[in-house]
């Protein structure tokens, strides 16, 4: 019987234990627990693509050019040292 009480005590929060109780200055618990976030709800499909293929190609070229400029600056600084 003692083992059953110990196992039951492990599944109960300490604040609900009969000897410990709750502190005096805490707000009361809500009567209904908060709802869980809808993690499995998917947004509606988009009516238009995020980027057109032309926009994506332009942005990729701009990013590649920025990367190349940064690499050139870094290489120039390293060779100057």
C-alpha atoms as a PDB file:
ATOM      1  CA  UNK A   1       0.000   0.000   0.000  1.00  0.00           C
ATOM      2  CA  UNK A   2       2.845   2.381   0.759  1.00  0.00           C
ATOM      3  CA  UNK A   3       4.319   1.758  -2.677  1.00  0.00           C
ATOM      4  CA  UNK A   4       0.984   2.651  -4.255  1.00  0.00           C
ATOM      5  CA  UNK A   5       0.882   5.935  -2.366  1.00  0.00           C
ATOM      6  CA  UNK A   6       4.430   6.765  -3.401  1.00  0.00           C
ATOM      7  CA  UNK A   7       3.685   6.048  -7.046  1.00  0.00           C
ATOM      8  CA  UNK A   8       0.549   8.145  -6.866  1.00  0.00           C
ATOM      9  CA  UNK A   9       2.508  10.979  -5.294  1.00  0.00           C
ATOM     10  CA  UNK A  10       4.929  11.009  -8.239  1.00  0.00           C
ATOM     11  CA  UNK A  11       2.149  11.883 -10.658  1.00  0.00           C
ATOM     12  CA  UNK A  12       0.777  14.732  -8.541  1.00  0.00           C
ATOM     13  CA  UNK A  13       2.245  18.256  -8.571  1.00  0.00           C
ATOM     14  CA  UNK A  14       3.890  19.163  -5.282  1.00  0.00           C
ATOM     15  CA  UNK A  15       1.634  22.166  -4.834  1.00  0.00           C
ATOM     16  CA  UNK A  16      -1.374  19.860  -4.706  1.00  0.00           C
ATOM     17  CA  UNK A  17       0.141  17.701  -1.975  1.00  0.00           C
ATOM     18  CA  UNK A  18      -2.027  17.762   1.152  1.00  0.00           C
ATOM     19  CA  UNK A  19       0.771  18.786   3.529  1.00  0.00           C
ATOM     20  CA  UNK A  20       2.434  21.400   1.333  1.00  0.00           C
ATOM     21  CA  UNK A  21      -0.520  23.278  -0.138  1.00  0.00           C
ATOM     22  CA  UNK A  22      -0.403  26.448  -2.199  1.00  0.00           C
ATOM     23  CA  UNK A  23       1.155  29.747  -1.115  1.00  0.00           C
ATOM     24  CA  UNK A  24      -1.263  32.409   0.031  1.00  0.00           C
ATOM     25  CA  UNK A  25      -0.408  35.082  -2.555  1.00  0.00           C
ATOM     26  CA  UNK A  26      -1.005  33.226  -5.829  1.00  0.00           C
ATOM     27  CA  UNK A  27      -4.003  33.883  -8.099  1.00  0.00           C
ATOM     28  CA  UNK A  28      -6.651  31.183  -8.314  1.00  0.00           C
ATOM     29  CA  UNK A  29      -6.427  28.630 -11.115  1.00  0.00           C
ATOM     30  CA  UNK A  30      -8.792  29.112 -14.051  1.00  0.00           C
ATOM     31  CA  UNK A  31     -11.820  26.836 -14.019  1.00  0.00           C
ATOM     32  CA  UNK A  32     -11.187  25.697 -17.596  1.00  0.00           C
ATOM     33  CA  UNK A  33      -7.614  24.929 -18.643  1.00  0.00           C
ATOM     34  CA  UNK A  34      -6.088  26.911 -21.485  1.00  0.00           C
ATOM     35  CA  UNK A  35      -6.547  25.466 -24.956  1.00  0.00           C
ATOM     36  CA  UNK A  36      -3.549  24.000 -26.728  1.00  0.00           C
ATOM     37  CA  UNK A  37      -2.106  25.812 -29.711  1.00  0.00           C
ATOM     38  CA  UNK A  38      -3.376  24.473 -33.051  1.00  0.00           C
ATOM     39  CA  UNK A  39      -0.028  23.075 -34.173  1.00  0.00           C
ATOM     40  CA  UNK A  40      -1.557  20.771 -36.787  1.00  0.00           C
ATOM     41  CA  UNK A  41      -3.751  23.399 -38.451  1.00  0.00           C
ATOM     42  CA  UNK A  42      -2.261  24.338 -41.782  1.00  0.00           C
ATOM     43  CA  UNK A  43      -2.778  27.779 -43.363  1.00  0.00           C
ATOM     44  CA  UNK A  44      -4.863  28.053 -46.490  1.00  0.00           C
ATOM     45  CA  UNK A  45      -2.944  27.609 -49.746  1.00  0.00           C
ATOM     46  CA  UNK A  46      -1.670  30.813 -51.315  1.00  0.00           C
ATOM     47  CA  UNK A  47      -3.476  32.131 -54.333  1.00  0.00           C
ATOM     48  CA  UNK A  48      -0.291  33.523 -55.910  1.00  0.00           C
ATOM     49  CA  UNK A  49       3.306  32.259 -55.740  1.00  0.00           C
ATOM     50  CA  UNK A  50       5.583  33.955 -53.267  1.00  0.00           C
ATOM     51  CA  UNK A  51       8.086  34.875 -55.987  1.00  0.00           C
ATOM     52  CA  UNK A  52       7.857  34.503 -59.710  1.00  0.00           C
ATOM     53  CA  UNK A  53      10.714  32.540 -61.318  1.00  0.00           C
ATOM     54  CA  UNK A  54      12.089  35.794 -62.776  1.00  0.00           C
ATOM     55  CA  UNK A  55      12.102  37.491 -59.363  1.00  0.00           C
ATOM     56  CA  UNK A  56      13.785  34.489 -57.780  1.00  0.00           C
ATOM     57  CA  UNK A  57      16.490  34.399 -60.473  1.00  0.00           C
ATOM     58  CA  UNK A  58      17.114  38.153 -60.060  1.00  0.00           C
ATOM     59  CA  UNK A  59      17.413  37.844 -56.290  1.00  0.00           C
ATOM     60  CA  UNK A  60      19.766  34.858 -56.584  1.00  0.00           C
ATOM     61  CA  UNK A  61      21.991  36.849 -58.960  1.00  0.00           C
ATOM     62  CA  UNK A  62      22.034  39.812 -56.542  1.00  0.00           C
ATOM     63  CA  UNK A  63      22.938  37.546 -53.629  1.00  0.00           C
ATOM     64  CA  UNK A  64      25.704  35.853 -55.621  1.00  0.00           C
ATOM     65  CA  UNK A  65      27.108  39.261 -56.643  1.00  0.00           C
ATOM     66  CA  UNK A  66      27.061  40.443 -53.015  1.00  0.00           C
ATOM     67  CA  UNK A  67      28.822  37.235 -51.922  1.00  0.00           C
ATOM     68  CA  UNK A  68      31.479  37.692 -54.603  1.00  0.00           C
ATOM     69  CA  UNK A  69      32.060  41.336 -53.599  1.00  0.00           C
ATOM     70  CA  UNK A  70      32.417  40.326 -49.939  1.00  0.00           C
ATOM     71  CA  UNK A  71      34.822  37.505 -50.814  1.00  0.00           C
ATOM     72  CA  UNK A  72      36.916  39.893 -52.909  1.00  0.00           C
ATOM     73  CA  UNK A  73      37.121  42.372 -50.009  1.00  0.00           C
ATOM     74  CA  UNK A  74      38.048  39.634 -47.549  1.00  0.00           C
ATOM     75  CA  UNK A  75      40.710  38.215 -49.864  1.00  0.00           C
ATOM     76  CA  UNK A  76      42.170  41.708 -50.427  1.00  0.00           C
ATOM     77  CA  UNK A  77      42.326  42.331 -46.663  1.00  0.00           C
ATOM     78  CA  UNK A  78      43.988  38.964 -46.036  1.00  0.00           C
ATOM     79  CA  UNK A  79      46.621  39.543 -48.715  1.00  0.00           C
ATOM     80  CA  UNK A  80      47.366  43.019 -47.321  1.00  0.00           C
ATOM     81  CA  UNK A  81      48.207  41.567 -43.918  1.00  0.00           C
END
